């Protein structure tokens, strides 16, 4: 086995240290932590009222949307009944049909029009906070009566108009994505424990 290159080792340590630094900044940001707790409570209330959550994002954020929907539908830590969650990123026929007929900026708005119901929660995930198709989803959410949640990073952020914004204090895409996974896991944990915990 080849010995690790010392520069690789130092770079790896620096990346871990930077990830920790951003998470510590997230932890110390009371506004963001309050927003996270508030969104968890909204999800719990929505599920108890028989509503669902819709998740969306692009690229790595699309994978995050699928990841969190799966944790809710199947299970996170507890063996329990499923919770209705849909990732709007998973059906290539729907995404490409809408993209072809209406343009890529409409791929989430059109699905919200078809699937969204009043009281549902829409979670848009964007490392920049400026994804055009998530910005375009907001008017349709308001028209249909969905509550909107943005998981974002970057600055400035066009998704600040969402009802609830959880903002990661970084402009570095990998660090933002790492925090979005952590935030999503916390949301899943709090929802699951609140509804199914003993």
N, C-alpha and C. Protein backbone atom coordinates (compact mmCIF):
# COMPACT_ATOMS: atom_id res chain seq x y z
N UNK A 1 0.85 -1.20 0.00
CA UNK A 1 0.00 0.00 0.00
C UNK A 1 0.89 1.25 0.00
N UNK A 2 0.56 2.18 -0.87
CA UNK A 2 1.37 3.38 -0.99
C UNK A 2 1.19 4.29 0.23
N UNK A 3 2.28 4.86 0.70
CA UNK A 3 2.23 5.78 1.83
C UNK A 3 1.52 7.06 1.40
N UNK A 4 0.67 7.59 2.29
CA UNK A 4 -0.07 8.80 1.96
C UNK A 4 0.88 9.96 1.71
N UNK A 5 0.62 10.67 0.65
CA UNK A 5 1.38 11.88 0.35
C UNK A 5 1.13 12.90 1.46
N UNK A 6 2.19 13.49 2.01
CA UNK A 6 2.03 14.40 3.15
C UNK A 6 1.16 15.60 2.80
N UNK A 7 1.25 16.09 1.56
CA UNK A 7 0.42 17.24 1.19
C UNK A 7 -1.05 16.84 1.11
N UNK A 8 -1.33 15.61 0.67
CA UNK A 8 -2.70 15.11 0.66
C UNK A 8 -3.24 15.02 2.09
N UNK A 9 -2.40 14.52 2.99
CA UNK A 9 -2.80 14.36 4.38
C UNK A 9 -3.14 15.71 5.00
N UNK A 10 -2.30 16.69 4.78
CA UNK A 10 -2.55 18.03 5.33
C UNK A 10 -3.80 18.65 4.72
N UNK A 11 -4.00 18.44 3.42
CA UNK A 11 -5.20 18.96 2.76
C UNK A 11 -6.45 18.30 3.33
N UNK A 12 -6.39 16.99 3.52
CA UNK A 12 -7.53 16.28 4.08
C UNK A 12 -7.87 16.81 5.48
N UNK A 13 -6.82 17.01 6.30
CA UNK A 13 -7.06 17.55 7.64
C UNK A 13 -7.64 18.96 7.59
N UNK A 14 -7.16 19.76 6.65
CA UNK A 14 -7.67 21.13 6.50
C UNK A 14 -9.13 21.12 6.08
N UNK A 15 -9.52 20.17 5.21
CA UNK A 15 -10.92 20.07 4.79
C UNK A 15 -11.82 19.68 5.96
N UNK A 16 -11.37 18.73 6.77
CA UNK A 16 -12.16 18.34 7.95
C UNK A 16 -12.28 19.52 8.91
N UNK A 17 -11.17 20.22 9.12
CA UNK A 17 -11.18 21.37 10.03
C UNK A 17 -12.14 22.45 9.54
N UNK A 18 -12.16 22.69 8.23
CA UNK A 18 -13.06 23.71 7.69
C UNK A 18 -14.51 23.28 7.82
N UNK A 19 -14.77 22.00 7.62
CA UNK A 19 -16.13 21.50 7.80
C UNK A 19 -16.58 21.69 9.25
N UNK A 20 -15.70 21.40 10.19
CA UNK A 20 -16.02 21.60 11.61
C UNK A 20 -16.26 23.08 11.89
N UNK A 21 -15.42 23.96 11.31
CA UNK A 21 -15.57 25.39 11.55
C UNK A 21 -16.93 25.89 11.10
N UNK A 22 -17.38 25.46 9.92
CA UNK A 22 -18.69 25.90 9.42
C UNK A 22 -19.81 25.35 10.29
N UNK A 23 -19.70 24.11 10.73
CA UNK A 23 -20.72 23.54 11.61
C UNK A 23 -20.75 24.26 12.96
N UNK A 24 -19.60 24.66 13.46
CA UNK A 24 -19.58 25.43 14.71
C UNK A 24 -20.23 26.80 14.51
N UNK A 25 -20.00 27.40 13.35
CA UNK A 25 -20.66 28.68 13.05
C UNK A 25 -22.16 28.50 12.96
N UNK A 26 -22.60 27.40 12.38
CA UNK A 26 -24.02 27.08 12.30
C UNK A 26 -24.60 26.92 13.70
N UNK A 27 -23.90 26.19 14.56
CA UNK A 27 -24.36 25.94 15.92
C UNK A 27 -24.48 27.23 16.72
N UNK A 28 -23.57 28.17 16.51
CA UNK A 28 -23.57 29.41 17.28
C UNK A 28 -24.50 30.48 16.71
N UNK A 29 -25.10 30.22 15.55
CA UNK A 29 -26.02 31.18 14.92
C UNK A 29 -27.43 30.92 15.45
N UNK A 30 -27.83 31.69 16.46
CA UNK A 30 -29.10 31.44 17.13
C UNK A 30 -30.29 31.58 16.18
N UNK A 31 -30.23 32.53 15.27
CA UNK A 31 -31.34 32.73 14.33
C UNK A 31 -31.54 31.48 13.47
N UNK A 32 -30.44 30.92 12.99
CA UNK A 32 -30.53 29.73 12.15
C UNK A 32 -31.02 28.53 12.95
N UNK A 33 -30.51 28.35 14.16
CA UNK A 33 -30.94 27.23 14.98
C UNK A 33 -32.41 27.35 15.37
N UNK A 34 -32.87 28.58 15.63
CA UNK A 34 -34.29 28.80 15.90
C UNK A 34 -35.13 28.45 14.68
N UNK A 35 -34.64 28.82 13.50
CA UNK A 35 -35.36 28.50 12.26
C UNK A 35 -35.45 26.99 12.07
N UNK A 36 -34.36 26.28 12.35
CA UNK A 36 -34.35 24.83 12.21
C UNK A 36 -35.38 24.20 13.14
N UNK A 37 -35.39 24.61 14.40
CA UNK A 37 -36.35 24.07 15.35
C UNK A 37 -37.78 24.40 14.94
N UNK A 38 -37.98 25.61 14.42
CA UNK A 38 -39.31 26.01 13.98
C UNK A 38 -39.80 25.18 12.80
N UNK A 39 -38.91 24.89 11.86
CA UNK A 39 -39.28 24.07 10.70
C UNK A 39 -39.62 22.66 11.14
N UNK A 40 -38.87 22.10 12.09
CA UNK A 40 -39.19 20.77 12.60
C UNK A 40 -40.60 20.75 13.19
N UNK A 41 -40.95 21.78 13.94
CA UNK A 41 -42.29 21.86 14.52
C UNK A 41 -43.36 21.96 13.44
N UNK A 42 -43.07 22.72 12.38
CA UNK A 42 -44.01 22.84 11.26
C UNK A 42 -44.24 21.49 10.59
N UNK A 43 -43.15 20.74 10.38
CA UNK A 43 -43.28 19.42 9.77
C UNK A 43 -44.10 18.48 10.65
N UNK A 44 -43.85 18.50 11.95
CA UNK A 44 -44.62 17.66 12.87
C UNK A 44 -46.10 18.01 12.78
N UNK A 45 -46.42 19.29 12.84
CA UNK A 45 -47.83 19.72 12.77
C UNK A 45 -48.46 19.31 11.45
N UNK A 46 -47.72 19.45 10.36
CA UNK A 46 -48.25 19.09 9.05
C UNK A 46 -48.54 17.60 8.98
N UNK A 47 -47.62 16.79 9.46
CA UNK A 47 -47.83 15.34 9.43
C UNK A 47 -49.00 14.93 10.32
N UNK A 48 -49.11 15.53 11.48
CA UNK A 48 -50.22 15.20 12.37
C UNK A 48 -51.56 15.61 11.77
N UNK A 49 -51.54 16.60 10.87
CA UNK A 49 -52.76 17.05 10.19
C UNK A 49 -53.02 16.29 8.89
N UNK A 50 -52.21 15.27 8.61
CA UNK A 50 -52.42 14.47 7.42
C UNK A 50 -51.85 15.06 6.15
N UNK A 51 -50.92 16.00 6.28
CA UNK A 51 -50.29 16.62 5.12
C UNK A 51 -49.00 15.87 4.76
N UNK A 52 -48.31 16.37 3.74
CA UNK A 52 -47.08 15.73 3.27
C UNK A 52 -46.00 16.79 3.08
N UNK A 53 -44.78 16.32 2.83
CA UNK A 53 -43.70 17.23 2.48
C UNK A 53 -43.21 16.93 1.07
N UNK A 54 -42.87 17.98 0.34
CA UNK A 54 -42.30 17.89 -1.00
C UNK A 54 -40.91 18.48 -0.95
N UNK A 55 -39.93 17.78 -1.54
CA UNK A 55 -38.53 18.18 -1.46
C UNK A 55 -37.97 18.35 -2.86
N UNK A 56 -37.11 19.36 -3.05
CA UNK A 56 -36.55 19.60 -4.38
C UNK A 56 -35.20 20.29 -4.28
N UNK A 57 -34.38 20.08 -5.31
CA UNK A 57 -33.08 20.72 -5.41
C UNK A 57 -32.45 20.31 -6.73
N UNK A 58 -31.26 20.81 -6.99
CA UNK A 58 -30.55 20.53 -8.23
C UNK A 58 -29.18 19.93 -7.91
N UNK A 59 -28.73 18.98 -8.73
CA UNK A 59 -27.41 18.39 -8.53
C UNK A 59 -27.31 17.69 -7.19
N UNK A 60 -26.29 18.05 -6.41
CA UNK A 60 -26.13 17.46 -5.08
C UNK A 60 -27.33 17.73 -4.20
N UNK A 61 -27.98 18.87 -4.38
CA UNK A 61 -29.17 19.19 -3.59
C UNK A 61 -30.36 18.32 -4.00
N UNK A 62 -30.39 17.87 -5.26
CA UNK A 62 -31.41 16.90 -5.67
C UNK A 62 -31.22 15.59 -4.91
N UNK A 63 -29.96 15.18 -4.78
CA UNK A 63 -29.65 13.97 -4.01
C UNK A 63 -30.06 14.15 -2.55
N UNK A 64 -29.84 15.34 -1.99
CA UNK A 64 -30.27 15.62 -0.61
C UNK A 64 -31.79 15.53 -0.49
N UNK A 65 -32.51 16.04 -1.48
CA UNK A 65 -33.97 15.97 -1.46
C UNK A 65 -34.44 14.52 -1.44
N UNK A 66 -33.84 13.69 -2.29
CA UNK A 66 -34.18 12.27 -2.33
C UNK A 66 -33.83 11.59 -1.01
N UNK A 67 -32.67 11.93 -0.48
CA UNK A 67 -32.19 11.34 0.77
C UNK A 67 -33.19 11.60 1.90
N UNK A 68 -33.60 12.85 2.08
CA UNK A 68 -34.47 13.18 3.20
C UNK A 68 -35.88 12.62 3.01
N UNK A 69 -36.37 12.62 1.77
CA UNK A 69 -37.67 12.01 1.52
C UNK A 69 -37.64 10.53 1.88
N UNK A 70 -36.53 9.85 1.53
CA UNK A 70 -36.40 8.43 1.86
C UNK A 70 -36.38 8.19 3.36
N UNK A 71 -35.68 9.06 4.11
CA UNK A 71 -35.63 8.90 5.57
C UNK A 71 -37.02 9.03 6.18
N UNK A 72 -37.85 9.90 5.62
CA UNK A 72 -39.19 10.12 6.16
C UNK A 72 -40.15 9.00 5.75
N UNK A 73 -40.10 8.60 4.49
CA UNK A 73 -41.00 7.55 4.01
C UNK A 73 -40.69 6.21 4.67
N UNK A 74 -39.42 5.87 4.79
CA UNK A 74 -39.04 4.58 5.34
C UNK A 74 -38.87 4.66 6.85
N UNK A 75 -37.71 5.11 7.31
CA UNK A 75 -37.46 5.32 8.73
C UNK A 75 -36.13 6.05 8.86
N UNK A 76 -35.94 6.68 9.99
CA UNK A 76 -34.65 7.30 10.29
C UNK A 76 -33.94 6.49 11.37
N UNK A 77 -34.39 6.60 12.61
CA UNK A 77 -33.80 5.82 13.70
C UNK A 77 -34.77 4.79 14.26
N UNK A 78 -36.05 5.03 14.15
CA UNK A 78 -37.06 4.19 14.77
C UNK A 78 -37.77 3.31 13.75
N UNK A 79 -38.13 2.10 14.16
CA UNK A 79 -39.05 1.29 13.36
C UNK A 79 -40.45 1.86 13.59
N UNK A 80 -41.04 2.37 12.53
CA UNK A 80 -42.32 3.07 12.69
C UNK A 80 -43.03 3.12 11.34
N UNK A 81 -44.23 3.66 11.35
CA UNK A 81 -44.97 3.83 10.11
C UNK A 81 -44.33 4.90 9.23
N UNK A 82 -44.65 4.86 7.96
CA UNK A 82 -44.07 5.82 7.03
C UNK A 82 -44.73 7.18 7.11
N UNK A 83 -43.97 8.19 6.72
CA UNK A 83 -44.47 9.56 6.63
C UNK A 83 -44.44 9.97 5.16
N UNK A 84 -45.49 10.61 4.66
CA UNK A 84 -45.55 10.94 3.24
C UNK A 84 -44.60 12.08 2.86
N UNK A 85 -43.62 11.74 2.04
CA UNK A 85 -42.64 12.72 1.55
C UNK A 85 -42.31 12.36 0.11
N UNK A 86 -42.20 13.38 -0.73
CA UNK A 86 -41.96 13.17 -2.16
C UNK A 86 -40.79 14.04 -2.59
N UNK A 87 -39.81 13.42 -3.26
CA UNK A 87 -38.74 14.17 -3.89
C UNK A 87 -39.15 14.47 -5.33
N UNK A 88 -39.21 15.73 -5.70
CA UNK A 88 -39.67 16.13 -7.04
C UNK A 88 -38.56 16.01 -8.08
N UNK A 89 -37.50 15.30 -7.73
CA UNK A 89 -36.32 15.21 -8.59
C UNK A 89 -36.15 13.82 -9.20
N UNK A 90 -37.01 12.87 -8.85
CA UNK A 90 -36.68 11.46 -9.09
C UNK A 90 -37.25 10.88 -10.38
N UNK A 91 -38.21 11.53 -11.01
CA UNK A 91 -38.83 10.95 -12.19
C UNK A 91 -38.33 11.67 -13.44
N UNK A 92 -37.40 11.05 -14.18
CA UNK A 92 -36.84 11.74 -15.34
C UNK A 92 -37.85 12.01 -16.44
N UNK A 93 -38.89 11.19 -16.54
CA UNK A 93 -39.91 11.45 -17.56
C UNK A 93 -40.67 12.74 -17.26
N UNK A 94 -41.02 12.93 -15.98
CA UNK A 94 -41.72 14.16 -15.59
C UNK A 94 -40.81 15.37 -15.74
N UNK A 95 -39.58 15.26 -15.20
CA UNK A 95 -38.65 16.39 -15.23
C UNK A 95 -38.33 16.80 -16.67
N UNK A 96 -38.09 15.81 -17.55
CA UNK A 96 -37.72 16.16 -18.92
C UNK A 96 -38.92 16.61 -19.74
N UNK A 97 -40.11 16.07 -19.43
CA UNK A 97 -41.31 16.54 -20.13
C UNK A 97 -41.58 18.01 -19.82
N UNK A 98 -41.51 18.35 -18.54
CA UNK A 98 -41.73 19.75 -18.17
C UNK A 98 -40.62 20.63 -18.73
N UNK A 99 -39.37 20.18 -18.60
CA UNK A 99 -38.25 20.95 -19.14
C UNK A 99 -38.40 21.18 -20.63
N UNK A 100 -38.84 20.16 -21.36
CA UNK A 100 -38.98 20.27 -22.80
C UNK A 100 -40.13 21.20 -23.19
N UNK A 101 -41.26 21.09 -22.48
CA UNK A 101 -42.46 21.83 -22.87
C UNK A 101 -42.53 23.23 -22.28
N UNK A 102 -42.00 23.41 -21.07
CA UNK A 102 -42.17 24.69 -20.38
C UNK A 102 -40.85 25.34 -19.96
N UNK A 103 -39.75 24.61 -20.05
CA UNK A 103 -38.46 25.15 -19.62
C UNK A 103 -38.09 24.63 -18.24
N UNK A 104 -36.78 24.53 -18.03
CA UNK A 104 -36.28 23.93 -16.80
C UNK A 104 -36.66 24.72 -15.56
N UNK A 105 -36.90 26.00 -15.68
CA UNK A 105 -37.29 26.79 -14.50
C UNK A 105 -38.65 26.38 -13.96
N UNK A 106 -39.42 25.62 -14.72
CA UNK A 106 -40.77 25.24 -14.29
C UNK A 106 -40.87 23.81 -13.76
N UNK A 107 -39.74 23.09 -13.67
CA UNK A 107 -39.84 21.66 -13.33
C UNK A 107 -40.41 21.40 -11.94
N UNK A 108 -40.24 22.31 -11.02
CA UNK A 108 -40.81 22.11 -9.69
C UNK A 108 -42.18 22.79 -9.57
N UNK A 109 -42.36 23.94 -10.14
CA UNK A 109 -43.64 24.64 -10.07
C UNK A 109 -44.77 23.79 -10.66
N UNK A 110 -44.52 23.14 -11.80
CA UNK A 110 -45.54 22.31 -12.43
C UNK A 110 -45.89 21.10 -11.55
N UNK A 111 -44.90 20.52 -10.90
CA UNK A 111 -45.17 19.38 -10.03
C UNK A 111 -45.91 19.80 -8.77
N UNK A 112 -45.58 20.96 -8.26
CA UNK A 112 -46.30 21.50 -7.10
C UNK A 112 -47.76 21.73 -7.47
N UNK A 113 -48.00 22.23 -8.68
CA UNK A 113 -49.37 22.45 -9.15
C UNK A 113 -50.15 21.13 -9.17
N UNK A 114 -49.48 20.04 -9.56
CA UNK A 114 -50.15 18.75 -9.66
C UNK A 114 -50.29 18.05 -8.31
N UNK A 115 -49.27 18.15 -7.47
CA UNK A 115 -49.21 17.33 -6.26
C UNK A 115 -49.46 18.09 -4.96
N UNK A 116 -49.22 19.39 -4.97
CA UNK A 116 -49.30 20.16 -3.73
C UNK A 116 -50.72 20.42 -3.28
N UNK A 117 -50.92 20.35 -1.99
CA UNK A 117 -52.21 20.66 -1.38
C UNK A 117 -51.99 21.65 -0.24
N UNK A 118 -53.02 22.41 0.07
CA UNK A 118 -52.92 23.40 1.14
C UNK A 118 -52.44 22.74 2.43
N UNK A 119 -51.44 23.36 3.05
CA UNK A 119 -50.89 22.84 4.30
C UNK A 119 -49.71 21.92 4.13
N UNK A 120 -49.43 21.49 2.89
CA UNK A 120 -48.22 20.71 2.64
C UNK A 120 -46.99 21.60 2.87
N UNK A 121 -45.84 20.97 3.08
CA UNK A 121 -44.58 21.68 3.26
C UNK A 121 -43.70 21.44 2.04
N UNK A 122 -43.24 22.52 1.42
CA UNK A 122 -42.29 22.42 0.32
C UNK A 122 -40.92 22.83 0.82
N UNK A 123 -39.93 21.95 0.66
CA UNK A 123 -38.56 22.24 1.08
C UNK A 123 -37.68 22.36 -0.17
N UNK A 124 -37.20 23.56 -0.44
CA UNK A 124 -36.30 23.80 -1.56
C UNK A 124 -34.87 23.90 -1.05
N UNK A 125 -33.97 23.12 -1.65
CA UNK A 125 -32.58 23.07 -1.20
C UNK A 125 -31.69 23.65 -2.28
N UNK A 126 -30.90 24.66 -1.93
CA UNK A 126 -30.01 25.32 -2.90
C UNK A 126 -28.77 25.83 -2.19
N UNK A 127 -27.60 25.41 -2.65
CA UNK A 127 -26.37 25.88 -2.00
C UNK A 127 -26.18 27.38 -2.20
N UNK A 128 -26.63 27.91 -3.32
CA UNK A 128 -26.48 29.35 -3.59
C UNK A 128 -27.66 30.16 -3.07
N UNK A 129 -28.80 29.51 -2.94
CA UNK A 129 -30.03 30.23 -2.61
C UNK A 129 -30.62 30.96 -3.79
N UNK A 130 -30.12 30.68 -4.99
CA UNK A 130 -30.55 31.42 -6.18
C UNK A 130 -31.00 30.51 -7.33
N UNK A 131 -31.28 29.25 -7.05
CA UNK A 131 -31.68 28.32 -8.12
C UNK A 131 -32.99 28.80 -8.76
N UNK A 132 -32.96 29.02 -10.06
CA UNK A 132 -34.10 29.64 -10.74
C UNK A 132 -35.37 28.81 -10.61
N UNK A 133 -35.26 27.49 -10.69
CA UNK A 133 -36.48 26.68 -10.61
C UNK A 133 -37.06 26.65 -9.20
N UNK A 134 -36.23 26.88 -8.18
CA UNK A 134 -36.75 26.98 -6.82
C UNK A 134 -37.34 28.36 -6.54
N UNK A 135 -36.75 29.38 -7.14
CA UNK A 135 -37.33 30.73 -7.05
C UNK A 135 -38.69 30.74 -7.75
N UNK A 136 -38.77 30.09 -8.92
CA UNK A 136 -40.03 30.05 -9.68
C UNK A 136 -41.09 29.19 -9.00
N UNK A 137 -40.69 28.30 -8.11
CA UNK A 137 -41.66 27.45 -7.41
C UNK A 137 -42.46 28.23 -6.37
N UNK A 138 -41.90 29.32 -5.86
CA UNK A 138 -42.52 30.04 -4.75
C UNK A 138 -43.92 30.57 -5.07
N UNK A 139 -44.15 31.24 -6.21
CA UNK A 139 -45.51 31.72 -6.49
C UNK A 139 -46.54 30.60 -6.55
N UNK A 140 -46.16 29.47 -7.11
CA UNK A 140 -47.10 28.35 -7.19
C UNK A 140 -47.40 27.81 -5.79
N UNK A 141 -46.38 27.74 -4.94
CA UNK A 141 -46.61 27.31 -3.56
C UNK A 141 -47.59 28.24 -2.86
N UNK A 142 -47.43 29.53 -3.07
CA UNK A 142 -48.34 30.48 -2.43
C UNK A 142 -49.75 30.36 -2.98
N UNK A 143 -49.85 30.17 -4.27
CA UNK A 143 -51.17 30.00 -4.90
C UNK A 143 -51.89 28.78 -4.34
N UNK A 144 -51.13 27.69 -4.11
CA UNK A 144 -51.73 26.44 -3.65
C UNK A 144 -51.82 26.33 -2.13
N UNK A 145 -51.23 27.27 -1.40
CA UNK A 145 -51.31 27.27 0.05
C UNK A 145 -50.30 26.38 0.74
N UNK A 146 -49.15 26.12 0.09
CA UNK A 146 -48.09 25.35 0.73
C UNK A 146 -47.23 26.26 1.60
N UNK A 147 -46.68 25.71 2.67
CA UNK A 147 -45.70 26.40 3.49
C UNK A 147 -44.33 26.14 2.87
N UNK A 148 -43.52 27.17 2.71
CA UNK A 148 -42.24 27.02 2.02
C UNK A 148 -41.07 27.13 2.98
N UNK A 149 -40.11 26.22 2.78
CA UNK A 149 -38.88 26.17 3.58
C UNK A 149 -37.71 26.17 2.62
N UNK A 150 -36.73 27.02 2.87
CA UNK A 150 -35.51 27.07 2.06
C UNK A 150 -34.32 26.64 2.89
N UNK A 151 -33.58 25.65 2.40
CA UNK A 151 -32.27 25.30 2.96
C UNK A 151 -31.25 25.88 2.00
N UNK A 152 -30.51 26.89 2.43
CA UNK A 152 -29.67 27.64 1.51
C UNK A 152 -28.30 27.94 2.11
N UNK A 153 -27.44 28.44 1.26
CA UNK A 153 -26.17 29.02 1.65
C UNK A 153 -25.96 30.23 0.77
N UNK A 154 -24.72 30.68 0.67
CA UNK A 154 -24.43 31.78 -0.24
C UNK A 154 -24.96 33.12 0.24
N UNK A 155 -24.69 34.12 -0.56
CA UNK A 155 -25.11 35.49 -0.26
C UNK A 155 -24.80 36.36 -1.48
N UNK A 156 -25.76 37.10 -2.05
CA UNK A 156 -27.16 37.23 -1.63
C UNK A 156 -27.97 35.99 -1.96
N UNK A 157 -29.21 35.98 -1.48
CA UNK A 157 -30.05 34.79 -1.61
C UNK A 157 -31.44 35.19 -2.09
N UNK A 158 -31.82 34.75 -3.29
CA UNK A 158 -33.14 35.07 -3.84
C UNK A 158 -34.25 34.28 -3.15
N UNK A 159 -33.89 33.24 -2.41
CA UNK A 159 -34.90 32.42 -1.74
C UNK A 159 -35.23 32.93 -0.34
N UNK A 160 -34.73 34.11 0.00
CA UNK A 160 -35.08 34.71 1.30
C UNK A 160 -36.56 35.03 1.40
N UNK A 161 -37.27 35.03 0.25
CA UNK A 161 -38.70 35.29 0.27
C UNK A 161 -39.52 34.08 0.71
N UNK A 162 -38.88 32.93 0.86
CA UNK A 162 -39.58 31.75 1.38
C UNK A 162 -40.09 32.05 2.79
N UNK A 163 -41.11 31.29 3.22
CA UNK A 163 -41.69 31.51 4.54
C UNK A 163 -40.67 31.29 5.65
N UNK A 164 -39.84 30.27 5.50
CA UNK A 164 -38.85 29.91 6.51
C UNK A 164 -37.53 29.61 5.82
N UNK A 165 -36.46 30.21 6.30
CA UNK A 165 -35.15 30.07 5.67
C UNK A 165 -34.14 29.57 6.71
N UNK A 166 -33.48 28.46 6.37
CA UNK A 166 -32.38 27.95 7.19
C UNK A 166 -31.12 28.18 6.38
N UNK A 167 -30.32 29.14 6.82
CA UNK A 167 -29.18 29.64 6.04
C UNK A 167 -27.87 29.15 6.65
N UNK A 168 -27.09 28.41 5.86
CA UNK A 168 -25.78 27.95 6.30
C UNK A 168 -24.78 29.10 6.12
N UNK A 169 -24.00 29.44 7.15
CA UNK A 169 -23.09 30.59 7.07
C UNK A 169 -21.80 30.26 6.31
N UNK A 170 -21.95 30.05 4.99
CA UNK A 170 -20.79 29.75 4.16
C UNK A 170 -21.14 30.04 2.70
N UNK A 171 -20.13 30.28 1.89
CA UNK A 171 -20.30 30.40 0.45
C UNK A 171 -19.59 29.25 -0.28
N UNK A 172 -19.08 28.28 0.46
CA UNK A 172 -18.33 27.15 -0.08
C UNK A 172 -19.31 25.98 -0.28
N UNK A 173 -19.56 25.62 -1.54
CA UNK A 173 -20.59 24.63 -1.85
C UNK A 173 -20.43 23.32 -1.08
N UNK A 174 -19.25 22.69 -1.03
CA UNK A 174 -19.15 21.43 -0.28
C UNK A 174 -19.52 21.58 1.20
N UNK A 175 -19.08 22.68 1.82
CA UNK A 175 -19.38 22.88 3.24
C UNK A 175 -20.89 23.10 3.44
N UNK A 176 -21.52 23.83 2.52
CA UNK A 176 -22.97 24.05 2.61
C UNK A 176 -23.71 22.73 2.48
N UNK A 177 -23.30 21.91 1.50
CA UNK A 177 -23.96 20.62 1.31
C UNK A 177 -23.81 19.73 2.53
N UNK A 178 -22.64 19.75 3.15
CA UNK A 178 -22.43 18.95 4.37
C UNK A 178 -23.38 19.40 5.47
N UNK A 179 -23.56 20.69 5.60
CA UNK A 179 -24.49 21.21 6.61
C UNK A 179 -25.94 20.91 6.25
N UNK A 180 -26.27 20.94 4.96
CA UNK A 180 -27.64 20.61 4.56
C UNK A 180 -27.98 19.17 4.92
N UNK A 181 -27.03 18.27 4.75
CA UNK A 181 -27.26 16.88 5.17
C UNK A 181 -27.49 16.81 6.68
N UNK A 182 -26.66 17.51 7.44
CA UNK A 182 -26.82 17.53 8.90
C UNK A 182 -28.19 18.11 9.28
N UNK A 183 -28.55 19.23 8.67
CA UNK A 183 -29.84 19.87 8.97
C UNK A 183 -30.99 18.93 8.62
N UNK A 184 -30.91 18.29 7.46
CA UNK A 184 -31.95 17.34 7.07
C UNK A 184 -32.07 16.19 8.06
N UNK A 185 -30.94 15.67 8.51
CA UNK A 185 -30.96 14.60 9.49
C UNK A 185 -31.58 15.06 10.81
N UNK A 186 -31.27 16.27 11.23
CA UNK A 186 -31.86 16.80 12.46
C UNK A 186 -33.37 16.93 12.32
N UNK A 187 -33.82 17.45 11.17
CA UNK A 187 -35.27 17.56 10.93
C UNK A 187 -35.93 16.19 10.98
N UNK A 188 -35.34 15.21 10.31
CA UNK A 188 -35.91 13.85 10.32
C UNK A 188 -35.95 13.29 11.74
N UNK A 189 -34.88 13.50 12.49
CA UNK A 189 -34.82 12.99 13.86
C UNK A 189 -35.91 13.62 14.73
N UNK A 190 -36.03 14.94 14.67
CA UNK A 190 -37.01 15.64 15.50
C UNK A 190 -38.43 15.25 15.12
N UNK A 191 -38.71 15.15 13.82
CA UNK A 191 -40.04 14.75 13.38
C UNK A 191 -40.36 13.34 13.85
N UNK A 192 -39.44 12.43 13.63
CA UNK A 192 -39.66 11.03 14.00
C UNK A 192 -39.87 10.87 15.52
N UNK A 193 -39.00 11.51 16.29
CA UNK A 193 -39.11 11.39 17.75
C UNK A 193 -40.40 12.03 18.25
N UNK A 194 -40.80 13.14 17.66
CA UNK A 194 -42.01 13.84 18.13
C UNK A 194 -43.28 13.03 17.84
N UNK A 195 -43.30 12.35 16.70
CA UNK A 195 -44.50 11.63 16.30
C UNK A 195 -44.51 10.19 16.82
N UNK A 196 -43.35 9.53 16.82
CA UNK A 196 -43.30 8.11 17.13
C UNK A 196 -42.51 7.76 18.39
N UNK A 197 -41.78 8.73 18.94
CA UNK A 197 -40.94 8.44 20.10
C UNK A 197 -41.74 8.14 21.34
N UNK A 198 -41.09 7.49 22.28
CA UNK A 198 -41.74 7.15 23.55
C UNK A 198 -41.42 8.22 24.58
